[in-house]
Amino acid sequence: MQRMKWWLLCWLVFFLSHQPSACPRSTPVCKKKPRSQGQGFCKDKCTKSACPEPKKDCKTEHDKDNGCSSKQENGRGKCCMDLSDNILKNGSCNDAVKTIEELQQILEEEEINGTSSSMISDSVVALQYKPNGTFEGLDIYASNNQVSPGPPPPSSTVRVQLPSELKAGPNNKVVFCMIKWPETNQDEVYDGRLIGLSVQGKNISGLQQRVNITINFTKEINETQEPSCQFLNFSTNTFSEDGCITLRTRGQNNLTCSCDHLTYFAVLLVPVSDTNGTGSLSSKDQEILTYITLIGCSLSLFALVITVLLFITNRKVREDLSMKVHINLVIALILLNLHFLLTSTVAAVSSTGLCLYMALALHYSLLTTFSWMALEGFHLYLLLVKVFNIYIKRYLLKLSVVGWGVPAVIVSVVVIIGRSFYGLVSLDTSNSNNTHICYITDDKVKMGTTLGPFILVFLFNMIMFAVTIRRVWILRKSTEFGQSNRDRAKKDICTLLGVMTLLGITWGLVFFSFGYLTTAGVYLFCILNSLQGFFIFLWFMMSLRKPKTAVTKTSSETRSTNT
């Protein structure tokens, strides 16, 4: 089933935050009850007496008398690999996890002669690589019985591309380790294969240049399952997809795991319903929503630009303070729609700097949209609740400082804490190809700097919307000479729809896009929110058609808030 990359624009549902079903999944590594302990761990058995250090190479005849060897011998790492085979085959799942972690540490600590050293046992294929000079990246090719840096051997099934950002060196060697996961524990691990990567003395995470692991398919995948790149979290003893993106096109005989950190990775076969964050949505619904979102955002962007041009060319409208507030929201929506429509294209280009800019711009434009929707609510509060004595010196300037300045501060703080918080992320946990944008990579930062402000803004604006409804109801009780009930009703409905659009009330449909309401909720969410800019344009055009007296009246009512 072909996944899509755009309909998840459902602005808030997936890229702003994550639905519970779209949150990074954690799969327990050891689901079965452990068998008897006592197999021991790698470090317990790989003692110096059991695995002595290899003798140094002989350089002269005199060296031979001092106990050196003219033939290179296997070191402690190879010895430990052989001992680990027994634990991986016969030990408990927990023992196997502990052994894998400790074996990687032993391989990092072991000294090697030359640039690289490869070792192979029944369950482990390992490579140690020590750069002589500046590290400019490394390609590693491996199969079940061989591993090498450099040109790929014909039978290789795994390719690892390491970026220069790792900054390995003579004192920081690269360690590659491919483990054959025990058959009793590999129900979900594709081909029973774990791939470990590390750099001696470094804890690698938050890479801007991602590590790419390409795995050739050697077994057919059931249609009810979907491959998902995940890493082994040793602290929680679970598999997690956080920080990894699965790049796969149906019909190809391989997939690529693109991750921003180093550890042990595996391809897990998970049910299709789990990889598809859309719950009960069918592929047909997803395709329809894709086109709805594309058309809606494009139409809104065009309509919003026209709105700005009309505002600039109409002097009477420019004099209206409320219109000045509205036009700031229009500009924020232009930035949001523009950057979102471009972010997927930028994500497809391998440019770290450009993706960083796009992620920053998208985050900033989203926050400014929230800010100005909140300020629309505040402005409405002054007009409907305070009414009198609402003089605020330099009112519009102060609104602008809040509306544009606060989001800038939030984004700046995130950048200062760590630029790695921005980068390439996947919209769809189905992880099919071309489903990525440049945005916030850390879920905690995403929740704190987008979902948190949105909830506060939505709650405040819902209160303001309720106040507006109450105000309209009170005014409706009073009679107005020469105006029929039908005209009054039409006017009231238009007023409420306009206020609802300006306050972003329709964004609250995100809370109805779960469970049994998923399909209807997501359809409404995509239609109404992708067309928010177009609705504002229609409301603006209706405002221009008001009689001049109405415009003058509105201007006089709002000028009291200005200097």
Foldseek 3Di string as FASTA:
>chain_A
DDFDAFLLCLPCDFPLAHDPLFPWDKAFQAPDDWDDDDLDALVVQLDCVQFPAAFAADDDPVVVVVPHDPDTDDGSLQSSVQSLVCCQAPGTSLRNLRNVVVSQVVLLPHDDPDAKDWHADQFKTKMKGADADQDAKWKWFDDNGDIDTDDHDPPTFKIKTGHSVVGGHNNKIKMKMKGQHHPVRCPFFQNSIKIFIDIRPDWFFLALQWMKMKGFAPDDDDPQWAKAKWFQDSVVNITIRAQWFWEDDPPDRMIMITGRGGGMMTITIDGPCSQFSLRPDDPVLSVVSNVLLVVLLVVLLVLLVVLVVVCVPDPLLVLAPLSVLLNQLSVLSNQQSVLVVCFLVVQVDSDSVVLLVSQLSNLLSLQLNLLSLLVNLVLLCCVQPVLPPQADEAQVVVSCCRSRVVSVVLSVVVVVVDSSQWHKDARGSSRYHSNIGIHGSDNVSSCVSRVVSNVVLLVSLVVSLVSLVVSLVVVLVDDDPPDDPVNSVVVSVLVSVLSCLSNVNLSVLSVQCDDPSVSVSSVSSSNCVSNSSVSNSVNSVVVVPDDPVVSVVSRVSSCSHYD
